[in-house]
Amino acid sequence: MQIHSAPKFWPFILTFVVLGALIGLVIGLLGEPSQEYTRASASGFFAMFGAGLGVGIGGLVFVIIDRFTSRKSTKHLAVPLAEDTDSSGQPG
């Protein structure tokens, strides 16, 4: 049996989505005001763009980390037990 410790996919991706959205929001709020768009709509646009970019970057970083951790996987011997017991030691 091969044991492979890898990061969890969804928390990893959601972290990058939130970071990307926050960076986009800050860029939208700190940028020059436009005559055509309100500051709120520009901030929302940059936040959505940053979130999308965060998904892509997060997925790429996840794959890279997963590749490195899969190289450090270990092999262990798994032996089936004669009878199935629960935590109290009773068959069941």
C-alpha atoms as a PDB file:
ATOM      1  CA  MET A   1       0.000   0.000   0.000  1.00  0.00           C
ATOM      2  CA  GLN A   2       1.410   3.408  -0.917  1.00  0.00           C
ATOM      3  CA  ILE A   3       0.836   6.375   1.438  1.00  0.00           C
ATOM      4  CA  HIS A   4       0.741   9.811  -0.205  1.00  0.00           C
ATOM      5  CA  SER A   5       0.206  12.968   1.814  1.00  0.00           C
ATOM      6  CA  ALA A   6      -1.261  15.705  -0.388  1.00  0.00           C
ATOM      7  CA  PRO A   7      -2.926  19.074   0.248  1.00  0.00           C
ATOM      8  CA  LYS A   8      -6.714  19.219   0.076  1.00  0.00           C
ATOM      9  CA  PHE A   9      -7.885  20.584  -3.251  1.00  0.00           C
ATOM     10  CA  TRP A  10     -10.893  22.786  -2.434  1.00  0.00           C
ATOM     11  CA  PRO A  11      -9.486  24.641   0.595  1.00  0.00           C
ATOM     12  CA  PHE A  12      -6.325  25.267  -1.408  1.00  0.00           C
ATOM     13  CA  ILE A  13      -8.229  26.683  -4.406  1.00  0.00           C
ATOM     14  CA  LEU A  14     -10.620  28.737  -2.262  1.00  0.00           C
ATOM     15  CA  THR A  15      -7.682  30.340  -0.471  1.00  0.00           C
ATOM     16  CA  PHE A  16      -6.266  31.542  -3.785  1.00  0.00           C
ATOM     17  CA  VAL A  17      -9.707  32.726  -4.940  1.00  0.00           C
ATOM     18  CA  VAL A  18     -10.134  34.854  -1.821  1.00  0.00           C
ATOM     19  CA  LEU A  19      -6.588  36.224  -2.075  1.00  0.00           C
ATOM     20  CA  GLY A  20      -7.053  37.057  -5.764  1.00  0.00           C
ATOM     21  CA  ALA A  21     -10.385  38.762  -5.107  1.00  0.00           C
ATOM     22  CA  LEU A  22      -8.936  40.829  -2.257  1.00  0.00           C
ATOM     23  CA  ILE A  23      -5.959  41.917  -4.356  1.00  0.00           C
ATOM     24  CA  GLY A  24      -8.307  42.846  -7.209  1.00  0.00           C
ATOM     25  CA  LEU A  25     -10.558  44.766  -4.833  1.00  0.00           C
ATOM     26  CA  VAL A  26      -7.624  46.744  -3.470  1.00  0.00           C
ATOM     27  CA  ILE A  27      -6.411  47.517  -6.998  1.00  0.00           C
ATOM     28  CA  GLY A  28      -9.900  48.714  -7.934  1.00  0.00           C
ATOM     29  CA  LEU A  29     -10.189  50.924  -4.868  1.00  0.00           C
ATOM     30  CA  LEU A  30      -6.717  52.441  -5.139  1.00  0.00           C
ATOM     31  CA  GLY A  31      -6.817  53.089  -8.883  1.00  0.00           C
ATOM     32  CA  GLU A  32      -7.708  56.320 -10.614  1.00  0.00           C
ATOM     33  CA  PRO A  33     -11.456  57.053 -10.755  1.00  0.00           C
ATOM     34  CA  SER A  34     -13.039  56.726 -14.183  1.00  0.00           C
ATOM     35  CA  GLN A  35     -15.623  58.927 -15.881  1.00  0.00           C
ATOM     36  CA  GLU A  36     -17.422  55.873 -17.292  1.00  0.00           C
ATOM     37  CA  TYR A  37     -17.557  53.556 -14.267  1.00  0.00           C
ATOM     38  CA  THR A  38     -18.194  54.028 -10.572  1.00  0.00           C
ATOM     39  CA  ARG A  39     -15.486  53.051  -8.126  1.00  0.00           C
ATOM     40  CA  ALA A  40     -17.679  50.186  -6.849  1.00  0.00           C
ATOM     41  CA  SER A  41     -18.241  48.674 -10.299  1.00  0.00           C
ATOM     42  CA  ALA A  42     -14.544  48.945 -11.165  1.00  0.00           C
ATOM     43  CA  SER A  43     -13.626  47.323  -7.841  1.00  0.00           C
ATOM     44  CA  GLY A  44     -16.108  44.509  -8.470  1.00  0.00           C
ATOM     45  CA  PHE A  45     -14.680  43.937 -11.934  1.00  0.00           C
ATOM     46  CA  PHE A  46     -11.124  43.751 -10.630  1.00  0.00           C
ATOM     47  CA  ALA A  47     -12.213  41.506  -7.739  1.00  0.00           C
ATOM     48  CA  MET A  48     -13.858  39.040 -10.165  1.00  0.00           C
ATOM     49  CA  PHE A  49     -10.833  39.150 -12.459  1.00  0.00           C
ATOM     50  CA  GLY A  50      -8.536  38.553  -9.473  1.00  0.00           C
ATOM     51  CA  ALA A  51     -10.683  35.634  -8.289  1.00  0.00           C
ATOM     52  CA  GLY A  52     -10.498  34.014 -11.717  1.00  0.00           C
ATOM     53  CA  LEU A  53      -6.770  34.543 -11.824  1.00  0.00           C
ATOM     54  CA  GLY A  54      -6.564  33.082  -8.308  1.00  0.00           C
ATOM     55  CA  VAL A  55      -8.279  29.882  -9.487  1.00  0.00           C
ATOM     56  CA  GLY A  56      -5.720  29.425 -12.249  1.00  0.00           C
ATOM     57  CA  ILE A  57      -2.694  30.223 -10.112  1.00  0.00           C
ATOM     58  CA  GLY A  58      -4.028  28.150  -7.205  1.00  0.00           C
ATOM     59  CA  GLY A  59      -4.592  25.148  -9.471  1.00  0.00           C
ATOM     60  CA  LEU A  60      -1.092  25.434 -10.874  1.00  0.00           C
ATOM     61  CA  VAL A  61       0.496  25.730  -7.426  1.00  0.00           C
ATOM     62  CA  PHE A  62      -1.621  22.790  -6.198  1.00  0.00           C
ATOM     63  CA  VAL A  63      -0.386  20.562  -9.031  1.00  0.00           C
ATOM     64  CA  ILE A  64       3.236  21.538  -8.368  1.00  0.00           C
ATOM     65  CA  ILE A  65       2.945  20.846  -4.629  1.00  0.00           C
ATOM     66  CA  ASP A  66       1.112  17.580  -5.309  1.00  0.00           C
ATOM     67  CA  ARG A  67       3.929  16.431  -7.601  1.00  0.00           C
ATOM     68  CA  PHE A  68       6.579  17.195  -4.985  1.00  0.00           C
ATOM     69  CA  THR A  69       4.677  15.441  -2.189  1.00  0.00           C
ATOM     70  CA  SER A  70       3.954  12.377  -4.347  1.00  0.00           C
ATOM     71  CA  ARG A  71       7.709  11.837  -4.734  1.00  0.00           C
ATOM     72  CA  LYS A  72       7.965  11.529  -0.956  1.00  0.00           C
ATOM     73  CA  SER A  73       5.299   8.824  -0.727  1.00  0.00           C
ATOM     74  CA  THR A  74       6.124   5.743   1.294  1.00  0.00           C
ATOM     75  CA  LYS A  75       5.163   2.109   0.868  1.00  0.00           C
ATOM     76  CA  HIS A  76       3.711   0.135   3.771  1.00  0.00           C
ATOM     77  CA  LEU A  77       2.474  -3.405   4.075  1.00  0.00           C
ATOM     78  CA  ALA A  78      -1.248  -3.737   4.796  1.00  0.00           C
ATOM     79  CA  VAL A  79      -2.365  -7.054   6.253  1.00  0.00           C
ATOM     80  CA  PRO A  80      -6.082  -7.897   6.485  1.00  0.00           C
ATOM     81  CA  LEU A  81      -7.274  -8.956   9.927  1.00  0.00           C
ATOM     82  CA  ALA A  82      -8.864 -12.345  10.524  1.00  0.00           C
ATOM     83  CA  GLU A  83     -12.053 -10.777  11.886  1.00  0.00           C
ATOM     84  CA  ASP A  84     -13.367  -7.244  11.901  1.00  0.00           C
ATOM     85  CA  THR A  85     -13.519  -5.671  15.387  1.00  0.00           C
ATOM     86  CA  ASP A  86     -14.732  -2.253  16.530  1.00  0.00           C
ATOM     87  CA  SER A  87     -12.908   0.058  18.977  1.00  0.00           C
ATOM     88  CA  SER A  88     -14.193  -1.844  22.052  1.00  0.00           C
ATOM     89  CA  GLY A  89     -12.614  -5.079  20.829  1.00  0.00           C
ATOM     90  CA  GLN A  90     -15.985  -6.735  20.178  1.00  0.00           C
ATOM     91  CA  PRO A  91     -16.577  -8.453  16.803  1.00  0.00           C
ATOM     92  CA  GLY A  92     -18.927  -6.486  14.702  1.00  0.00           C
END
